[in-house]
Amino acid sequence: MGTIYEALQMLLNVVWFVMIAHIILSWLINFQVLNLRQPLVAQVWQGLNNLLEPIYGPVRRILPNTGGLDLAPLVVFICIIILQRALANNAGWFYGY
């Protein structure tokens, strides 16, 4: 059962780092440091969007329209933190303590 705990924690960490990369890339694109006309940037951007849209989509449907401000990543970050803390607080169950 400890392997399940570690796999869940690793999965949440991977989602966390992919979200960080997506947010940083969006800032670099918005501040025109990077350009989507560059093939590598466009591919990475599209790949990250494809990975994260299944997570962000349902959250965006629930949240009210805030114009140009996308709060879905913030809500998902908070959910990831809550899930990580819940897993850590219940780690004994996974290890049989």
Protein backbone atom coordinates (compact mmCIF):
# COMPACT_ATOMS: atom_id res chain seq x y z
CA MET A 1 0.00 0.00 0.00
CA GLY A 2 2.95 2.31 0.53
CA THR A 3 3.59 2.19 -3.19
CA ILE A 4 0.12 3.58 -3.88
CA TYR A 5 0.80 6.46 -1.50
CA GLU A 6 4.13 7.25 -3.16
CA ALA A 7 2.63 6.96 -6.64
CA LEU A 8 -0.17 9.39 -5.74
CA GLN A 9 2.29 11.86 -4.24
CA MET A 10 4.53 11.60 -7.31
CA LEU A 11 1.56 12.11 -9.64
CA LEU A 12 0.50 15.24 -7.74
CA ASN A 13 4.09 16.54 -7.86
CA VAL A 14 4.27 15.98 -11.63
CA VAL A 15 1.00 17.85 -12.16
CA TRP A 16 2.34 20.64 -9.93
CA PHE A 17 5.54 21.04 -11.98
CA VAL A 18 3.72 20.84 -15.32
CA MET A 19 1.40 23.60 -14.11
CA ILE A 20 4.39 25.72 -13.02
CA ALA A 21 5.98 25.27 -16.47
CA HIS A 22 2.69 26.21 -18.16
CA ILE A 23 2.28 29.35 -16.05
CA ILE A 24 5.87 30.49 -16.63
CA LEU A 25 5.55 29.85 -20.36
CA SER A 26 2.29 31.81 -20.49
CA TRP A 27 3.98 34.76 -18.77
CA LEU A 28 6.91 34.63 -21.18
CA ILE A 29 4.52 34.56 -24.14
CA ASN A 30 2.35 37.38 -22.76
CA PHE A 31 5.37 39.58 -22.05
CA GLN A 32 6.64 38.81 -25.58
CA VAL A 33 9.85 37.19 -24.41
CA LEU A 34 8.83 34.11 -26.40
CA ASN A 35 6.82 34.03 -29.59
CA LEU A 36 4.28 31.38 -30.59
CA ARG A 37 5.51 31.65 -34.19
CA GLN A 38 8.63 29.78 -33.11
CA PRO A 39 7.96 26.08 -33.79
CA LEU A 40 9.49 24.75 -30.56
CA VAL A 41 7.63 27.26 -28.39
CA ALA A 42 4.36 26.53 -30.20
CA GLN A 43 4.82 22.77 -29.77
CA VAL A 44 5.62 23.03 -26.06
CA TRP A 45 2.71 25.44 -25.53
CA GLN A 46 0.27 23.17 -27.37
CA GLY A 47 1.53 20.10 -25.49
CA LEU A 48 1.13 21.75 -22.10
CA ASN A 49 -2.33 23.01 -23.05
CA ASN A 50 -3.33 19.50 -24.13
CA LEU A 51 -2.08 18.06 -20.84
CA LEU A 52 -3.74 20.60 -18.58
CA GLU A 53 -7.03 21.35 -20.35
CA PRO A 54 -8.73 18.19 -18.98
CA ILE A 55 -7.91 19.51 -15.50
CA TYR A 56 -8.67 23.20 -16.10
CA GLY A 57 -11.81 22.70 -18.22
CA PRO A 58 -14.18 21.46 -15.50
CA VAL A 59 -12.86 24.09 -13.08
CA ARG A 60 -13.42 26.87 -15.64
CA ARG A 61 -17.01 25.74 -16.13
CA ILE A 62 -17.68 26.03 -12.39
CA LEU A 63 -15.95 29.40 -11.85
CA PRO A 64 -17.70 32.64 -12.80
CA ASN A 65 -16.46 34.54 -15.86
CA THR A 66 -13.73 36.94 -14.73
CA GLY A 67 -12.84 38.35 -18.13
CA GLY A 68 -9.17 38.00 -18.98
CA LEU A 69 -8.22 36.60 -15.58
CA ASP A 70 -8.05 32.80 -15.47
CA LEU A 71 -8.45 31.55 -11.92
CA ALA A 72 -8.52 27.85 -12.84
CA PRO A 73 -4.78 27.29 -12.19
CA LEU A 74 -5.09 28.87 -8.75
CA VAL A 75 -8.04 26.66 -7.85
CA VAL A 76 -6.22 23.54 -9.12
CA PHE A 77 -3.09 24.52 -7.13
CA ILE A 78 -5.18 24.81 -3.98
CA CYS A 79 -6.80 21.42 -4.68
CA ILE A 80 -3.38 19.82 -5.21
CA ILE A 81 -2.13 21.25 -1.91
CA ILE A 82 -5.23 19.97 -0.11
CA LEU A 83 -4.82 16.50 -1.67
CA GLN A 84 -1.13 16.36 -0.77
CA ARG A 85 -1.84 17.35 2.82
CA ALA A 86 -4.70 14.85 3.06
CA LEU A 87 -2.44 12.09 1.74
CA ALA A 88 0.36 13.05 4.13
CA ASN A 89 -2.01 13.14 7.11
CA ASN A 90 -3.36 9.69 6.22
CA ALA A 91 -0.03 8.11 5.23
CA GLY A 92 -0.29 5.73 8.16
CA TRP A 93 -3.28 4.08 6.55
CA PHE A 94 -1.21 3.30 3.46
CA TYR A 95 1.63 1.84 5.51
CA GLY A 96 -0.63 -0.08 7.91
CA TYR A 97 0.20 1.84 11.10
